[in-house]
N, C-alpha and C. Protein backbone atom coordinates (compact mmCIF):
# COMPACT_ATOMS: atom_id res chain seq x y z
N UNK A 1 3.46 -15.12 18.39
CA UNK A 1 2.78 -14.54 17.23
C UNK A 1 3.07 -15.31 15.95
N UNK A 2 4.16 -16.08 15.97
CA UNK A 2 4.52 -16.88 14.80
C UNK A 2 4.62 -18.35 15.23
N UNK A 3 4.33 -19.25 14.31
CA UNK A 3 4.51 -20.67 14.62
C UNK A 3 5.63 -21.23 13.77
N UNK A 4 6.22 -22.31 14.25
CA UNK A 4 7.36 -22.93 13.58
C UNK A 4 6.85 -24.13 12.78
N UNK A 5 7.16 -24.15 11.49
CA UNK A 5 6.69 -25.20 10.62
C UNK A 5 7.89 -26.00 10.12
N UNK A 6 7.88 -27.28 10.34
CA UNK A 6 8.99 -28.13 9.92
C UNK A 6 8.95 -28.39 8.42
N UNK A 7 10.12 -28.42 7.80
CA UNK A 7 10.27 -28.76 6.39
C UNK A 7 10.87 -30.16 6.34
N UNK A 8 10.15 -31.10 5.77
CA UNK A 8 10.56 -32.49 5.82
C UNK A 8 11.63 -32.82 4.79
N UNK A 9 12.43 -33.87 5.00
CA UNK A 9 13.50 -34.22 4.07
C UNK A 9 13.01 -34.49 2.65
N UNK A 10 11.76 -34.92 2.50
CA UNK A 10 11.24 -35.20 1.16
C UNK A 10 11.15 -33.94 0.31
N UNK A 11 11.20 -32.78 0.98
CA UNK A 11 11.14 -31.50 0.26
C UNK A 11 12.54 -30.96 0.01
N UNK A 12 13.58 -31.74 0.38
CA UNK A 12 14.94 -31.31 0.10
C UNK A 12 15.61 -30.61 1.24
N UNK A 13 15.02 -30.64 2.46
CA UNK A 13 15.60 -29.96 3.60
C UNK A 13 15.78 -30.95 4.74
N UNK A 14 16.58 -30.57 5.72
CA UNK A 14 16.78 -31.39 6.89
C UNK A 14 15.53 -31.35 7.78
N UNK A 15 15.39 -32.35 8.64
CA UNK A 15 14.22 -32.47 9.48
C UNK A 15 14.06 -31.28 10.42
N UNK A 16 15.17 -30.70 10.87
CA UNK A 16 15.09 -29.65 11.87
C UNK A 16 15.00 -28.24 11.25
N UNK A 17 14.84 -28.15 9.93
CA UNK A 17 14.69 -26.85 9.29
C UNK A 17 13.31 -26.30 9.62
N UNK A 18 13.24 -25.04 10.04
CA UNK A 18 11.97 -24.45 10.40
C UNK A 18 11.83 -23.09 9.73
N UNK A 19 10.60 -22.69 9.52
CA UNK A 19 10.31 -21.35 9.03
C UNK A 19 9.27 -20.73 9.95
N UNK A 20 9.21 -19.42 9.95
CA UNK A 20 8.29 -18.71 10.84
C UNK A 20 7.15 -18.09 10.04
N UNK A 21 5.92 -18.48 10.39
CA UNK A 21 4.72 -17.99 9.71
C UNK A 21 3.71 -17.59 10.77
N UNK A 22 3.12 -16.41 10.69
CA UNK A 22 2.11 -16.02 11.68
C UNK A 22 0.87 -16.89 11.54
N UNK A 23 0.28 -17.33 12.63
CA UNK A 23 -0.87 -18.23 12.56
C UNK A 23 -2.11 -17.59 11.94
N UNK A 24 -2.19 -16.27 11.89
CA UNK A 24 -3.38 -15.60 11.36
C UNK A 24 -3.29 -15.31 9.86
N UNK A 25 -2.10 -15.50 9.26
CA UNK A 25 -1.90 -15.07 7.88
C UNK A 25 -2.77 -15.85 6.89
N UNK A 26 -2.79 -17.17 7.00
CA UNK A 26 -3.59 -17.96 6.06
C UNK A 26 -5.07 -17.64 6.19
N UNK A 27 -5.52 -17.38 7.41
CA UNK A 27 -6.92 -16.98 7.60
C UNK A 27 -7.20 -15.66 6.91
N UNK A 28 -6.26 -14.71 7.01
CA UNK A 28 -6.40 -13.43 6.33
C UNK A 28 -6.51 -13.61 4.82
N UNK A 29 -5.65 -14.44 4.26
CA UNK A 29 -5.62 -14.61 2.81
C UNK A 29 -6.85 -15.33 2.27
N UNK A 30 -7.54 -16.09 3.11
CA UNK A 30 -8.72 -16.83 2.67
C UNK A 30 -10.03 -16.18 3.08
N UNK A 31 -9.95 -15.04 3.75
CA UNK A 31 -11.15 -14.36 4.22
C UNK A 31 -11.77 -13.52 3.10
N UNK A 32 -13.08 -13.67 2.85
CA UNK A 32 -13.75 -12.79 1.88
C UNK A 32 -14.05 -11.44 2.50
N UNK A 33 -13.74 -10.38 1.79
CA UNK A 33 -13.95 -9.03 2.29
C UNK A 33 -15.00 -8.30 1.45
N UNK A 34 -15.45 -7.17 1.98
CA UNK A 34 -16.36 -6.24 1.31
C UNK A 34 -17.79 -6.77 1.18
N UNK A 35 -18.15 -7.75 1.98
CA UNK A 35 -19.56 -8.11 2.11
C UNK A 35 -20.21 -7.16 3.11
N UNK A 36 -21.52 -7.05 3.06
CA UNK A 36 -22.24 -6.17 3.98
C UNK A 36 -22.32 -6.84 5.35
N UNK A 37 -22.04 -6.06 6.38
CA UNK A 37 -22.07 -6.57 7.76
C UNK A 37 -23.49 -6.98 8.14
N UNK A 38 -23.64 -8.14 8.74
CA UNK A 38 -24.96 -8.63 9.12
C UNK A 38 -25.56 -7.82 10.27
N UNK A 39 -24.68 -7.27 11.12
CA UNK A 39 -25.15 -6.54 12.30
C UNK A 39 -25.48 -5.09 11.96
N UNK A 40 -24.67 -4.48 11.10
CA UNK A 40 -24.83 -3.05 10.79
C UNK A 40 -25.18 -2.84 9.32
N UNK A 41 -26.06 -3.65 8.81
CA UNK A 41 -26.39 -3.61 7.38
C UNK A 41 -26.99 -2.28 6.95
N UNK A 42 -27.69 -1.60 7.85
CA UNK A 42 -28.35 -0.34 7.50
C UNK A 42 -27.46 0.88 7.65
N UNK A 43 -26.24 0.68 8.16
CA UNK A 43 -25.33 1.81 8.37
C UNK A 43 -24.63 2.18 7.08
N UNK A 44 -24.07 3.39 7.05
CA UNK A 44 -23.42 3.89 5.83
C UNK A 44 -22.11 3.17 5.55
N UNK A 45 -21.34 2.83 6.60
CA UNK A 45 -20.03 2.20 6.43
C UNK A 45 -20.10 0.75 6.92
N UNK A 46 -20.94 -0.04 6.27
CA UNK A 46 -21.21 -1.39 6.75
C UNK A 46 -20.46 -2.48 5.99
N UNK A 47 -19.58 -2.12 5.07
CA UNK A 47 -18.84 -3.15 4.34
C UNK A 47 -17.74 -3.72 5.24
N UNK A 48 -17.56 -5.02 5.16
CA UNK A 48 -16.59 -5.71 6.01
C UNK A 48 -15.22 -5.68 5.33
N UNK A 49 -14.41 -4.71 5.72
CA UNK A 49 -13.10 -4.54 5.10
C UNK A 49 -11.98 -4.48 6.14
N UNK A 50 -12.22 -5.09 7.31
CA UNK A 50 -11.21 -5.10 8.36
C UNK A 50 -11.00 -6.50 8.90
N UNK A 51 -9.77 -6.74 9.37
CA UNK A 51 -9.40 -8.05 9.89
C UNK A 51 -8.61 -7.86 11.18
N UNK A 52 -8.96 -8.62 12.21
CA UNK A 52 -8.32 -8.51 13.51
C UNK A 52 -7.27 -9.62 13.66
N UNK A 53 -6.04 -9.22 13.88
CA UNK A 53 -4.95 -10.18 14.07
C UNK A 53 -5.11 -10.91 15.40
N UNK A 54 -5.58 -10.23 16.42
CA UNK A 54 -5.71 -10.84 17.74
C UNK A 54 -6.82 -11.90 17.78
N UNK A 55 -7.93 -11.60 17.11
CA UNK A 55 -9.06 -12.54 17.13
C UNK A 55 -8.95 -13.61 16.06
N UNK A 56 -8.30 -13.28 14.93
CA UNK A 56 -8.11 -14.24 13.84
C UNK A 56 -9.44 -14.86 13.42
N UNK A 57 -10.43 -14.00 13.18
CA UNK A 57 -11.74 -14.47 12.80
C UNK A 57 -12.15 -13.99 11.43
N UNK A 58 -13.44 -13.67 11.28
CA UNK A 58 -13.95 -13.22 9.99
C UNK A 58 -13.81 -11.71 9.86
N UNK A 59 -14.07 -11.23 8.65
CA UNK A 59 -13.99 -9.80 8.39
C UNK A 59 -15.12 -9.07 9.11
N UNK A 60 -14.91 -7.79 9.40
CA UNK A 60 -15.92 -7.00 10.09
C UNK A 60 -15.87 -5.58 9.59
N UNK A 61 -16.83 -4.77 10.01
CA UNK A 61 -16.97 -3.40 9.50
C UNK A 61 -16.44 -2.38 10.49
N UNK A 62 -16.55 -1.12 10.12
CA UNK A 62 -16.06 -0.01 10.93
C UNK A 62 -16.72 0.02 12.31
N UNK A 63 -18.02 -0.23 12.37
CA UNK A 63 -18.74 -0.16 13.64
C UNK A 63 -18.40 -1.34 14.54
N UNK A 64 -18.15 -2.50 13.96
CA UNK A 64 -17.72 -3.66 14.74
C UNK A 64 -16.36 -3.39 15.37
N UNK A 65 -15.51 -2.72 14.66
CA UNK A 65 -14.20 -2.41 15.21
C UNK A 65 -14.32 -1.53 16.46
N UNK A 66 -15.19 -0.54 16.40
CA UNK A 66 -15.34 0.37 17.53
C UNK A 66 -15.89 -0.34 18.76
N UNK A 67 -16.75 -1.32 18.55
CA UNK A 67 -17.41 -1.97 19.68
C UNK A 67 -16.72 -3.24 20.16
N UNK A 68 -16.07 -3.98 19.27
CA UNK A 68 -15.54 -5.30 19.63
C UNK A 68 -14.02 -5.43 19.50
N UNK A 69 -13.37 -4.53 18.76
CA UNK A 69 -11.93 -4.67 18.51
C UNK A 69 -11.20 -3.36 18.79
N UNK A 70 -11.66 -2.61 19.76
CA UNK A 70 -11.14 -1.28 20.01
C UNK A 70 -9.65 -1.26 20.30
N UNK A 71 -9.17 -2.19 21.12
CA UNK A 71 -7.76 -2.21 21.52
C UNK A 71 -6.97 -3.33 20.85
N UNK A 72 -7.47 -3.84 19.73
CA UNK A 72 -6.82 -4.96 19.05
C UNK A 72 -5.99 -4.46 17.86
N UNK A 73 -5.16 -5.36 17.35
CA UNK A 73 -4.40 -5.07 16.13
C UNK A 73 -5.29 -5.36 14.92
N UNK A 74 -5.65 -4.32 14.21
CA UNK A 74 -6.58 -4.44 13.09
C UNK A 74 -5.92 -3.97 11.80
N UNK A 75 -6.14 -4.71 10.74
CA UNK A 75 -5.65 -4.35 9.41
C UNK A 75 -6.84 -4.02 8.53
N UNK A 76 -6.76 -2.90 7.83
CA UNK A 76 -7.83 -2.52 6.91
C UNK A 76 -7.47 -2.95 5.49
N UNK A 77 -8.40 -3.63 4.85
CA UNK A 77 -8.21 -4.11 3.48
C UNK A 77 -8.85 -3.12 2.51
N UNK A 78 -8.19 -2.89 1.41
CA UNK A 78 -8.71 -1.99 0.38
C UNK A 78 -8.80 -2.74 -0.94
N UNK A 79 -9.40 -2.10 -1.93
CA UNK A 79 -9.63 -2.73 -3.22
C UNK A 79 -8.92 -1.97 -4.33
N UNK A 80 -8.35 -2.73 -5.25
CA UNK A 80 -7.77 -2.16 -6.47
C UNK A 80 -8.11 -3.10 -7.62
N UNK A 81 -8.93 -2.63 -8.54
CA UNK A 81 -9.36 -3.44 -9.69
C UNK A 81 -9.94 -4.78 -9.23
N UNK A 82 -10.79 -4.73 -8.21
CA UNK A 82 -11.50 -5.90 -7.68
C UNK A 82 -10.57 -6.89 -6.99
N UNK A 83 -9.38 -6.47 -6.63
CA UNK A 83 -8.46 -7.34 -5.89
C UNK A 83 -8.13 -6.69 -4.56
N UNK A 84 -7.94 -7.51 -3.54
CA UNK A 84 -7.69 -7.02 -2.19
C UNK A 84 -6.23 -6.61 -2.03
N UNK A 85 -6.03 -5.42 -1.47
CA UNK A 85 -4.69 -4.90 -1.20
C UNK A 85 -4.64 -4.39 0.24
N UNK A 86 -3.45 -4.19 0.73
CA UNK A 86 -3.24 -3.62 2.06
C UNK A 86 -2.10 -2.63 1.97
N UNK A 87 -2.18 -1.57 2.75
CA UNK A 87 -1.13 -0.56 2.72
C UNK A 87 0.16 -1.10 3.35
N UNK A 88 1.26 -0.77 2.72
CA UNK A 88 2.57 -1.18 3.23
C UNK A 88 2.79 -0.64 4.63
N UNK A 89 2.37 0.60 4.88
CA UNK A 89 2.59 1.22 6.18
C UNK A 89 1.88 0.47 7.30
N UNK A 90 0.84 -0.29 6.99
CA UNK A 90 0.13 -1.07 8.01
C UNK A 90 0.70 -2.48 8.14
N UNK A 91 0.88 -3.17 7.03
CA UNK A 91 1.24 -4.59 7.09
C UNK A 91 2.68 -4.79 7.52
N UNK A 92 3.58 -3.84 7.23
CA UNK A 92 4.98 -4.03 7.58
C UNK A 92 5.23 -3.93 9.08
N UNK A 93 4.22 -3.47 9.84
CA UNK A 93 4.35 -3.44 11.29
C UNK A 93 4.23 -4.83 11.90
N UNK A 94 3.62 -5.77 11.18
CA UNK A 94 3.39 -7.10 11.74
C UNK A 94 4.01 -8.22 10.91
N UNK A 95 4.46 -7.91 9.70
CA UNK A 95 5.05 -8.93 8.82
C UNK A 95 6.31 -8.41 8.15
N UNK A 96 7.24 -9.31 7.91
CA UNK A 96 8.37 -9.01 7.04
C UNK A 96 7.90 -9.20 5.60
N UNK A 97 7.73 -8.12 4.88
CA UNK A 97 7.20 -8.19 3.52
C UNK A 97 8.30 -8.09 2.47
N UNK A 98 9.55 -8.28 2.87
CA UNK A 98 10.64 -8.21 1.91
C UNK A 98 10.46 -9.30 0.86
N UNK A 99 10.79 -8.96 -0.37
CA UNK A 99 10.66 -9.90 -1.47
C UNK A 99 9.31 -9.85 -2.17
N UNK A 100 8.39 -9.00 -1.69
CA UNK A 100 7.06 -8.90 -2.29
C UNK A 100 6.95 -7.60 -3.06
N UNK A 101 6.42 -7.66 -4.28
CA UNK A 101 6.25 -6.48 -5.11
C UNK A 101 5.24 -5.52 -4.51
N UNK A 102 5.57 -4.23 -4.48
CA UNK A 102 4.64 -3.21 -4.02
C UNK A 102 4.31 -2.28 -5.19
N UNK A 103 3.19 -1.57 -5.05
CA UNK A 103 2.72 -0.68 -6.08
C UNK A 103 2.25 0.62 -5.44
N UNK A 104 2.28 1.71 -6.20
CA UNK A 104 1.74 2.98 -5.74
C UNK A 104 0.39 3.18 -6.42
N UNK A 105 -0.68 3.16 -5.61
CA UNK A 105 -2.03 3.30 -6.13
C UNK A 105 -2.72 4.40 -5.34
N UNK A 106 -3.19 5.43 -6.04
CA UNK A 106 -3.84 6.57 -5.38
C UNK A 106 -2.96 7.16 -4.28
N UNK A 107 -1.70 7.33 -4.60
CA UNK A 107 -0.71 7.95 -3.70
C UNK A 107 -0.36 7.11 -2.49
N UNK A 108 -0.83 5.88 -2.43
CA UNK A 108 -0.51 5.00 -1.30
C UNK A 108 0.26 3.78 -1.81
N UNK A 109 1.30 3.40 -1.07
CA UNK A 109 2.05 2.20 -1.43
C UNK A 109 1.35 0.98 -0.85
N UNK A 110 1.01 0.03 -1.71
CA UNK A 110 0.24 -1.13 -1.30
C UNK A 110 0.88 -2.40 -1.86
N UNK A 111 0.41 -3.54 -1.35
CA UNK A 111 0.75 -4.82 -1.95
C UNK A 111 -0.50 -5.69 -1.97
N UNK A 112 -0.52 -6.65 -2.87
CA UNK A 112 -1.70 -7.50 -3.04
C UNK A 112 -1.65 -8.68 -2.07
N UNK A 113 -2.83 -9.07 -1.60
CA UNK A 113 -2.91 -10.20 -0.68
C UNK A 113 -2.68 -11.52 -1.40
N UNK A 114 -3.32 -11.69 -2.54
CA UNK A 114 -3.29 -12.98 -3.23
C UNK A 114 -2.90 -12.82 -4.70
N UNK A 115 -2.60 -13.95 -5.31
CA UNK A 115 -2.23 -13.97 -6.72
C UNK A 115 -3.41 -13.54 -7.57
N UNK A 116 -3.14 -12.85 -8.67
CA UNK A 116 -4.17 -12.41 -9.59
C UNK A 116 -4.06 -13.20 -10.88
N UNK A 117 -5.16 -13.72 -11.39
CA UNK A 117 -5.11 -14.52 -12.63
C UNK A 117 -4.58 -13.70 -13.78
N UNK A 118 -3.69 -14.30 -14.56
CA UNK A 118 -3.15 -13.65 -15.74
C UNK A 118 -2.41 -14.68 -16.57
N UNK A 119 -2.21 -14.40 -17.87
CA UNK A 119 -1.39 -15.31 -18.68
C UNK A 119 0.05 -15.31 -18.19
N UNK A 120 0.75 -16.37 -18.45
CA UNK A 120 2.16 -16.44 -18.08
C UNK A 120 2.97 -15.37 -18.80
N UNK A 121 3.97 -14.87 -18.14
CA UNK A 121 4.81 -13.84 -18.74
C UNK A 121 5.57 -14.40 -19.93
N UNK A 122 5.71 -13.58 -20.97
CA UNK A 122 6.42 -14.02 -22.15
C UNK A 122 7.92 -13.89 -22.01
N UNK A 123 8.62 -14.18 -23.08
CA UNK A 123 10.07 -14.09 -23.07
C UNK A 123 10.51 -12.63 -23.01
N UNK A 124 11.67 -12.43 -22.44
CA UNK A 124 12.21 -11.09 -22.35
C UNK A 124 11.85 -10.35 -21.09
N UNK A 125 11.02 -10.94 -20.23
CA UNK A 125 10.67 -10.31 -18.96
C UNK A 125 11.77 -10.58 -17.95
N UNK A 126 12.30 -9.53 -17.36
CA UNK A 126 13.46 -9.68 -16.48
C UNK A 126 13.09 -10.30 -15.14
N UNK A 127 11.98 -9.86 -14.56
CA UNK A 127 11.60 -10.32 -13.23
C UNK A 127 10.21 -10.94 -13.27
N UNK A 128 10.07 -12.15 -12.72
CA UNK A 128 8.77 -12.79 -12.62
C UNK A 128 8.60 -13.39 -11.23
N UNK A 129 7.36 -13.56 -10.82
CA UNK A 129 7.06 -14.17 -9.54
C UNK A 129 7.47 -15.64 -9.56
N UNK A 130 8.15 -16.09 -8.53
CA UNK A 130 8.65 -17.46 -8.47
C UNK A 130 7.53 -18.49 -8.39
N UNK A 131 6.35 -18.07 -7.96
CA UNK A 131 5.25 -19.01 -7.77
C UNK A 131 4.27 -19.02 -8.94
N UNK A 132 3.78 -17.84 -9.34
CA UNK A 132 2.74 -17.79 -10.37
C UNK A 132 3.23 -17.32 -11.73
N UNK A 133 4.44 -16.78 -11.81
CA UNK A 133 4.99 -16.35 -13.09
C UNK A 133 4.57 -14.96 -13.54
N UNK A 134 3.90 -14.20 -12.68
CA UNK A 134 3.50 -12.84 -13.05
C UNK A 134 4.74 -11.96 -13.21
N UNK A 135 4.71 -11.09 -14.20
CA UNK A 135 5.82 -10.16 -14.40
C UNK A 135 5.86 -9.13 -13.27
N UNK A 136 7.05 -8.77 -12.85
CA UNK A 136 7.24 -7.86 -11.73
C UNK A 136 7.98 -6.61 -12.18
N UNK A 137 7.78 -5.52 -11.46
CA UNK A 137 8.42 -4.26 -11.79
C UNK A 137 9.82 -4.15 -11.21
N UNK A 138 10.03 -4.75 -10.05
CA UNK A 138 11.28 -4.61 -9.31
C UNK A 138 11.96 -5.97 -9.15
N UNK A 139 13.23 -5.98 -8.79
CA UNK A 139 13.95 -7.24 -8.58
C UNK A 139 13.56 -7.90 -7.26
N UNK A 140 12.33 -8.37 -7.18
CA UNK A 140 11.83 -9.08 -6.00
C UNK A 140 11.40 -10.48 -6.41
N UNK A 141 10.89 -11.26 -5.46
CA UNK A 141 10.63 -12.68 -5.72
C UNK A 141 9.15 -13.01 -5.91
N UNK A 142 8.27 -12.23 -5.27
CA UNK A 142 6.87 -12.61 -5.25
C UNK A 142 5.97 -11.43 -5.61
N UNK A 143 4.78 -11.76 -6.14
CA UNK A 143 3.83 -10.72 -6.54
C UNK A 143 2.83 -10.39 -5.44
N UNK A 144 2.74 -11.22 -4.40
CA UNK A 144 1.73 -11.04 -3.36
C UNK A 144 2.15 -11.75 -2.09
N UNK A 145 1.41 -11.48 -1.00
CA UNK A 145 1.67 -12.18 0.25
C UNK A 145 1.39 -13.67 0.10
N UNK A 146 0.34 -14.00 -0.65
CA UNK A 146 0.00 -15.40 -0.85
C UNK A 146 1.10 -16.17 -1.55
N UNK A 147 1.72 -15.55 -2.54
CA UNK A 147 2.81 -16.23 -3.25
C UNK A 147 4.05 -16.36 -2.37
N UNK A 148 4.31 -15.37 -1.52
CA UNK A 148 5.44 -15.52 -0.59
C UNK A 148 5.18 -16.66 0.39
N UNK A 149 3.94 -16.79 0.85
CA UNK A 149 3.61 -17.89 1.75
C UNK A 149 3.86 -19.23 1.07
N UNK A 150 3.44 -19.37 -0.18
CA UNK A 150 3.68 -20.61 -0.91
C UNK A 150 5.17 -20.84 -1.12
N UNK A 151 5.91 -19.76 -1.35
CA UNK A 151 7.36 -19.89 -1.51
C UNK A 151 8.04 -20.36 -0.25
N UNK A 152 7.56 -19.89 0.90
CA UNK A 152 8.12 -20.34 2.18
C UNK A 152 7.84 -21.82 2.40
N UNK A 153 6.62 -22.24 2.12
CA UNK A 153 6.25 -23.64 2.30
C UNK A 153 7.03 -24.55 1.34
N UNK A 154 7.32 -24.02 0.17
CA UNK A 154 7.99 -24.83 -0.85
C UNK A 154 9.49 -24.90 -0.64
N UNK A 155 10.11 -23.76 -0.34
CA UNK A 155 11.58 -23.71 -0.29
C UNK A 155 12.14 -23.47 1.11
N UNK A 156 11.38 -22.78 1.95
CA UNK A 156 11.87 -22.50 3.29
C UNK A 156 13.00 -21.51 3.36
N UNK A 157 13.20 -20.69 2.33
CA UNK A 157 14.32 -19.75 2.32
C UNK A 157 13.87 -18.31 2.50
N UNK A 158 12.70 -18.12 3.11
CA UNK A 158 12.19 -16.78 3.40
C UNK A 158 11.40 -16.86 4.71
N UNK A 159 10.99 -15.72 5.21
CA UNK A 159 10.27 -15.70 6.47
C UNK A 159 9.41 -14.46 6.56
N UNK A 160 8.36 -14.52 7.37
CA UNK A 160 7.52 -13.37 7.66
C UNK A 160 7.88 -12.73 8.99
N UNK A 161 8.82 -13.31 9.71
CA UNK A 161 9.17 -12.81 11.04
C UNK A 161 9.96 -11.51 10.93
N UNK A 162 9.57 -10.53 11.71
CA UNK A 162 10.28 -9.25 11.72
C UNK A 162 11.61 -9.41 12.44
N UNK A 163 12.63 -8.73 11.90
CA UNK A 163 13.95 -8.81 12.53
C UNK A 163 14.48 -7.44 12.94
N UNK A 164 13.60 -6.42 12.91
CA UNK A 164 14.02 -5.07 13.30
C UNK A 164 14.38 -4.22 12.10
N UNK A 165 14.99 -4.80 11.09
CA UNK A 165 15.37 -4.00 9.92
C UNK A 165 14.16 -3.59 9.12
N UNK A 166 13.10 -4.37 9.22
CA UNK A 166 11.92 -4.07 8.42
C UNK A 166 11.22 -2.79 8.84
N UNK A 167 11.50 -2.31 10.06
CA UNK A 167 10.87 -1.08 10.52
C UNK A 167 11.33 0.12 9.70
N UNK A 168 12.53 0.05 9.15
CA UNK A 168 13.04 1.14 8.33
C UNK A 168 13.08 0.71 6.87
N UNK A 169 12.09 -0.09 6.50
CA UNK A 169 12.04 -0.65 5.15
C UNK A 169 11.99 0.46 4.10
N UNK A 170 12.79 0.33 3.07
CA UNK A 170 12.79 1.27 1.97
C UNK A 170 12.45 0.54 0.69
N UNK A 171 11.47 1.04 -0.04
CA UNK A 171 11.02 0.42 -1.26
C UNK A 171 11.60 1.17 -2.46
N UNK A 172 12.23 0.44 -3.37
CA UNK A 172 12.77 1.04 -4.58
C UNK A 172 11.83 0.71 -5.73
N UNK A 173 11.32 1.72 -6.39
CA UNK A 173 10.44 1.52 -7.53
C UNK A 173 10.95 2.35 -8.69
N UNK A 174 10.25 2.22 -9.81
CA UNK A 174 10.64 2.97 -10.99
C UNK A 174 10.48 4.47 -10.79
N UNK A 175 9.73 4.86 -9.77
CA UNK A 175 9.54 6.28 -9.50
C UNK A 175 10.56 6.82 -8.51
N UNK A 176 11.47 5.98 -8.07
CA UNK A 176 12.48 6.42 -7.13
C UNK A 176 12.29 5.76 -5.79
N UNK A 177 13.20 6.02 -4.88
CA UNK A 177 13.16 5.42 -3.55
C UNK A 177 12.29 6.25 -2.63
N UNK A 178 11.34 5.57 -1.98
CA UNK A 178 10.45 6.22 -1.04
C UNK A 178 10.41 5.39 0.22
N UNK A 179 10.86 5.93 1.32
CA UNK A 179 10.85 5.17 2.57
C UNK A 179 9.44 5.08 3.09
N UNK A 180 9.18 4.03 3.89
CA UNK A 180 7.84 3.82 4.43
C UNK A 180 7.44 4.97 5.33
N UNK A 181 8.39 5.52 6.10
CA UNK A 181 8.06 6.63 6.99
C UNK A 181 7.69 7.86 6.19
N UNK A 182 8.43 8.15 5.13
CA UNK A 182 8.11 9.30 4.29
C UNK A 182 6.76 9.11 3.62
N UNK A 183 6.48 7.88 3.17
CA UNK A 183 5.21 7.61 2.51
C UNK A 183 4.05 7.82 3.47
N UNK A 184 4.20 7.35 4.70
CA UNK A 184 3.13 7.49 5.68
C UNK A 184 2.88 8.95 6.00
N UNK A 185 3.96 9.74 6.13
CA UNK A 185 3.80 11.16 6.40
C UNK A 185 3.13 11.85 5.22
N UNK A 186 3.50 11.43 4.00
CA UNK A 186 2.89 12.04 2.82
C UNK A 186 1.40 11.76 2.75
N UNK A 187 0.99 10.56 3.15
CA UNK A 187 -0.42 10.23 3.12
C UNK A 187 -1.18 11.01 4.19
N UNK A 188 -0.54 11.21 5.32
CA UNK A 188 -1.22 11.88 6.42
C UNK A 188 -1.34 13.39 6.16
N UNK A 189 -0.26 13.97 5.69
CA UNK A 189 -0.25 15.41 5.50
C UNK A 189 -0.88 15.82 4.18
N UNK A 190 -0.68 15.01 3.15
CA UNK A 190 -1.16 15.37 1.84
C UNK A 190 -0.26 16.39 1.18
N UNK A 191 -0.49 16.66 -0.07
CA UNK A 191 0.33 17.64 -0.79
C UNK A 191 -0.40 18.97 -0.83
N UNK A 192 0.36 20.03 -0.74
CA UNK A 192 -0.22 21.37 -0.75
C UNK A 192 0.14 22.05 -2.06
N UNK A 193 -0.86 22.53 -2.75
CA UNK A 193 -0.64 23.21 -4.01
C UNK A 193 -1.28 24.59 -3.95
N UNK A 194 -0.73 25.50 -4.71
CA UNK A 194 -1.30 26.85 -4.78
C UNK A 194 -2.66 26.78 -5.46
N UNK A 195 -3.67 27.34 -4.82
CA UNK A 195 -5.02 27.31 -5.37
C UNK A 195 -5.29 28.52 -6.24
N UNK A 196 -4.49 29.54 -6.11
CA UNK A 196 -4.73 30.75 -6.87
C UNK A 196 -3.52 31.08 -7.73
N UNK A 197 -3.80 31.48 -8.94
CA UNK A 197 -2.71 31.89 -9.81
C UNK A 197 -2.22 33.27 -9.38
N UNK A 198 -0.96 33.53 -9.67
CA UNK A 198 -0.40 34.82 -9.27
C UNK A 198 -1.03 35.94 -10.10
N UNK A 199 -1.29 37.06 -9.46
CA UNK A 199 -1.89 38.21 -10.14
C UNK A 199 -0.91 39.36 -10.11
N UNK A 200 -0.93 40.22 -11.12
CA UNK A 200 0.02 41.34 -11.13
C UNK A 200 -0.24 42.29 -9.99
N UNK A 201 0.82 42.87 -9.47
CA UNK A 201 0.69 43.82 -8.37
C UNK A 201 0.05 45.09 -8.86
N UNK A 202 -0.77 45.74 -8.03
CA UNK A 202 -1.39 47.01 -8.46
C UNK A 202 -0.32 48.08 -8.61
N UNK A 203 -0.53 49.05 -9.46
CA UNK A 203 0.48 50.11 -9.65
C UNK A 203 0.65 50.91 -8.39
N UNK A 204 1.86 51.37 -8.15
CA UNK A 204 2.13 52.15 -6.94
C UNK A 204 1.45 53.50 -7.03
N UNK A 205 1.19 54.06 -5.87
CA UNK A 205 0.43 55.32 -5.82
C UNK A 205 1.22 56.48 -6.40
N UNK A 206 2.56 56.39 -6.36
CA UNK A 206 3.36 57.52 -6.83
C UNK A 206 3.77 57.38 -8.29
N UNK A 207 3.16 56.42 -8.96
CA UNK A 207 3.49 56.26 -10.38
C UNK A 207 2.97 57.46 -11.15
N UNK A 208 3.80 57.96 -12.07
CA UNK A 208 3.39 59.13 -12.85
C UNK A 208 2.42 58.73 -13.95
N UNK A 209 1.44 59.63 -14.15
CA UNK A 209 0.56 59.42 -15.28
C UNK A 209 1.19 60.03 -16.52
N UNK A 210 0.96 59.39 -17.61
CA UNK A 210 1.49 59.91 -18.87
C UNK A 210 0.68 61.13 -19.29
N UNK A 211 1.39 62.21 -19.58
CA UNK A 211 0.70 63.43 -20.00
C UNK A 211 0.15 63.28 -21.40
N UNK A 212 -0.96 63.94 -21.64
CA UNK A 212 -1.55 63.91 -22.97
C UNK A 212 -0.80 64.84 -23.92
N UNK A 213 -1.15 64.79 -25.18
CA UNK A 213 -0.50 65.63 -26.20
C UNK A 213 -1.02 67.04 -26.06
N UNK A 214 -0.14 68.03 -25.89
CA UNK A 214 -0.61 69.45 -25.71
C UNK A 214 -1.19 70.00 -26.99
N UNK A 215 -2.21 70.81 -26.85
CA UNK A 215 -2.82 71.46 -28.02
C UNK A 215 -2.72 72.98 -27.82
N UNK A 216 -2.18 73.68 -28.83
CA UNK A 216 -2.06 75.12 -28.76
C UNK A 216 -3.28 75.80 -29.37
N UNK A 217 -3.60 76.91 -28.81
CA UNK A 217 -4.75 77.65 -29.32
C UNK A 217 -4.40 78.22 -30.71
N UNK A 218 -5.34 78.28 -31.60
CA UNK A 218 -5.03 78.81 -32.95
C UNK A 218 -4.72 80.31 -32.88
N UNK A 219 -3.81 80.77 -33.81
CA UNK A 219 -3.46 82.19 -33.84
C UNK A 219 -4.62 83.00 -34.41
N UNK A 220 -4.80 84.16 -33.89
CA UNK A 220 -5.83 85.05 -34.43
C UNK A 220 -5.39 85.69 -35.75
N UNK A 221 -6.29 86.05 -36.56
CA UNK A 221 -5.96 86.67 -37.86
C UNK A 221 -5.63 88.14 -37.69
């Protein structure tokens, strides 16, 4: 599932230094998503927002998945401010995403596939992406999967290979620590809120009624 890439001495490493990168990752990062499917253009859910790890091909839609990728490993891509994101609960099953900044968007923890254009971070920013210089929220190294890939190619001091610890990955954010398992359960179950405001209880049947003011008959003359 992963290939070994040599880091040459000209890059500051020994000849036998290797890093592990999945062969489908670069294809994923360069694939255009959210185009209309050529086969199911007239269907309601025809946007191509899925990628098959097993086939390592082009993006496809919901109906293509049912017919051609039923038993394959498929990742669904989502959009945030016109940029492609993927849910942490999905991508961490196939990649070690440690060192990449995650965000909570619409109650789901996600990370960005590629770098987003922005001005360089100014002075006083504590954490920045090692590749593009984007400011980061947490003490991590990269802003996206694409930047981590470039960091691996450049330095060789990171990897996408799972080592077992990533299955219990815990993300620390400014909102507190939320484990991936808890996040997934929260997305599946949703939050339950009271739909009705509390109303006062009706009076008990044995409650006494307040007597009225007695009136005496006038005295006769």
